[in-house]
Amino acid sequence: MNKKHILLIENGPDELAFFTDALEKSQLSFLCSTARSSEQATRILKNLVPYIIFLDVSLVTSEDIEFLSRMKRNQKVPVIMYSISPQEQHENDKANYLQLPRCVQTMANLLQHLLLN
């Protein structure tokens, strides 16, 4: 049986470590592919249709919004944009926006809720 994939688009080493620690602590059986830029994510998505995409809001450009909209429409892949700071939230993305908690266990619990429901 193939494991489901998460694509994490993040260029900050601390946030990357936080997310992967939370995923490990959640004990979910998902594989996590990471990209440090939207260009790298585009290359990954040519060979992978993830179960869900987590995208650091600070990396989003207008071209990314168009690409991700097509991805959601054509592949039905949920995209969750997130940030550590609430002021980075984009007005048009409130429904798909997540402010990361500061605690790894809280993030692990949140991942369990998002990925199992």
Protein backbone atom coordinates (compact mmCIF):
# COMPACT_ATOMS: atom_id res chain seq x y z
CA MET A 1 0.00 0.00 0.00
CA ASN A 2 1.33 3.44 -0.96
CA LYS A 3 1.62 6.03 1.74
CA LYS A 4 -0.05 9.38 1.20
CA HIS A 5 2.19 12.33 0.54
CA ILE A 6 2.28 15.80 2.02
CA LEU A 7 4.07 18.51 0.08
CA LEU A 8 5.54 21.16 2.37
CA ILE A 9 6.71 24.35 0.63
CA GLU A 10 8.92 26.09 3.17
CA ASN A 11 12.33 27.77 3.03
CA GLY A 12 12.91 28.44 6.73
CA PRO A 13 15.00 25.77 8.45
CA ASP A 14 13.34 26.33 11.85
CA GLU A 15 9.81 26.06 10.43
CA LEU A 16 10.81 23.01 8.36
CA ALA A 17 12.19 21.28 11.46
CA PHE A 18 9.10 22.28 13.48
CA PHE A 19 6.72 20.86 10.87
CA THR A 20 8.62 17.60 10.42
CA ASP A 21 8.95 17.16 14.21
CA ALA A 22 5.19 17.67 14.57
CA LEU A 23 4.47 15.19 11.78
CA GLU A 24 6.72 12.61 13.43
CA LYS A 25 5.13 13.23 16.84
CA SER A 26 1.65 12.86 15.31
CA GLN A 27 2.55 9.26 14.38
CA LEU A 28 0.68 9.63 11.10
CA SER A 29 1.82 7.41 8.31
CA PHE A 30 2.39 10.10 5.68
CA LEU A 31 5.46 10.78 3.62
CA CYS A 32 6.54 14.41 3.50
CA SER A 33 8.23 15.90 0.46
CA THR A 34 9.66 19.36 0.89
CA ALA A 35 10.39 22.20 -1.47
CA ARG A 36 12.22 25.38 -0.55
CA SER A 37 10.62 27.44 -3.33
CA SER A 38 7.60 27.42 -5.58
CA GLU A 39 9.86 26.58 -8.53
CA GLN A 40 11.13 23.48 -6.75
CA ALA A 41 7.54 22.58 -5.78
CA THR A 42 6.48 22.82 -9.43
CA ARG A 43 9.17 20.30 -10.38
CA ILE A 44 8.08 17.94 -7.60
CA LEU A 45 4.42 18.21 -8.61
CA LYS A 46 5.24 16.96 -12.10
CA ASN A 47 5.86 13.52 -10.55
CA LEU A 48 3.69 13.60 -7.44
CA VAL A 49 0.06 14.34 -6.65
CA PRO A 50 0.12 14.95 -2.90
CA TYR A 51 -2.75 14.36 -0.51
CA ILE A 52 -2.34 17.94 0.76
CA ILE A 53 -0.01 20.90 0.25
CA PHE A 54 1.19 23.16 3.06
CA LEU A 55 2.58 26.46 1.77
CA ASP A 56 4.38 29.19 3.69
CA VAL A 57 2.41 32.35 2.92
CA SER A 58 5.61 34.43 2.79
CA LEU A 59 6.71 32.50 -0.31
CA VAL A 60 3.54 33.18 -2.32
CA THR A 61 3.70 35.21 -5.53
CA SER A 62 0.84 36.06 -7.89
CA GLU A 63 2.03 33.30 -10.25
CA ASP A 64 1.88 30.84 -7.34
CA ILE A 65 -1.73 31.79 -6.60
CA GLU A 66 -2.73 31.06 -10.20
CA PHE A 67 -0.81 27.76 -10.25
CA LEU A 68 -2.25 26.62 -6.92
CA SER A 69 -5.77 27.53 -8.00
CA ARG A 70 -5.33 25.31 -11.06
CA MET A 71 -3.86 22.56 -8.88
CA LYS A 72 -6.85 22.64 -6.54
CA ARG A 73 -9.32 22.69 -9.45
CA ASN A 74 -7.68 20.01 -11.61
CA GLN A 75 -6.20 17.66 -9.05
CA LYS A 76 -8.53 18.37 -6.11
CA VAL A 77 -5.51 18.77 -3.82
CA PRO A 78 -6.21 20.85 -0.70
CA VAL A 79 -3.75 23.71 -0.23
CA ILE A 80 -3.24 25.16 3.25
CA MET A 81 -1.34 28.41 3.42
CA TYR A 82 0.25 29.07 6.80
CA SER A 83 2.38 31.51 8.70
CA ILE A 84 3.88 31.98 12.10
CA SER A 85 2.75 35.60 12.24
CA PRO A 86 -0.92 36.51 11.72
CA GLN A 87 -0.14 39.74 9.86
CA GLU A 88 1.06 37.74 6.84
CA GLN A 89 -2.44 36.42 6.18
CA HIS A 90 -3.73 37.33 2.74
CA GLU A 91 -7.27 38.75 2.64
CA ASN A 92 -8.40 36.37 -0.13
CA ASP A 93 -7.08 33.24 1.55
CA LYS A 94 -8.83 33.19 4.93
CA ALA A 95 -10.56 29.86 4.26
CA ASN A 96 -7.27 28.07 3.51
CA TYR A 97 -5.06 29.85 6.02
CA LEU A 98 -3.50 28.46 9.16
CA GLN A 99 -1.48 30.25 11.79
CA LEU A 100 1.07 27.75 13.08
CA PRO A 101 0.92 27.04 16.79
CA ARG A 102 4.13 27.47 18.75
CA CYS A 103 4.04 24.03 20.42
CA VAL A 104 5.09 20.88 18.53
CA GLN A 105 2.47 18.74 20.30
CA THR A 106 -0.28 21.23 19.44
CA MET A 107 0.87 21.15 15.82
CA ALA A 108 0.94 17.33 15.89
CA ASN A 109 -2.65 17.31 17.16
CA LEU A 110 -3.65 19.80 14.46
CA LEU A 111 -2.04 17.64 11.77
CA GLN A 112 -3.93 14.61 13.04
CA HIS A 113 -7.17 16.55 12.81
CA LEU A 114 -6.43 17.95 9.33
CA LEU A 115 -5.11 14.73 7.83
CA LEU A 116 -7.52 12.22 9.33
CA ASN A 117 -10.76 14.14 8.77
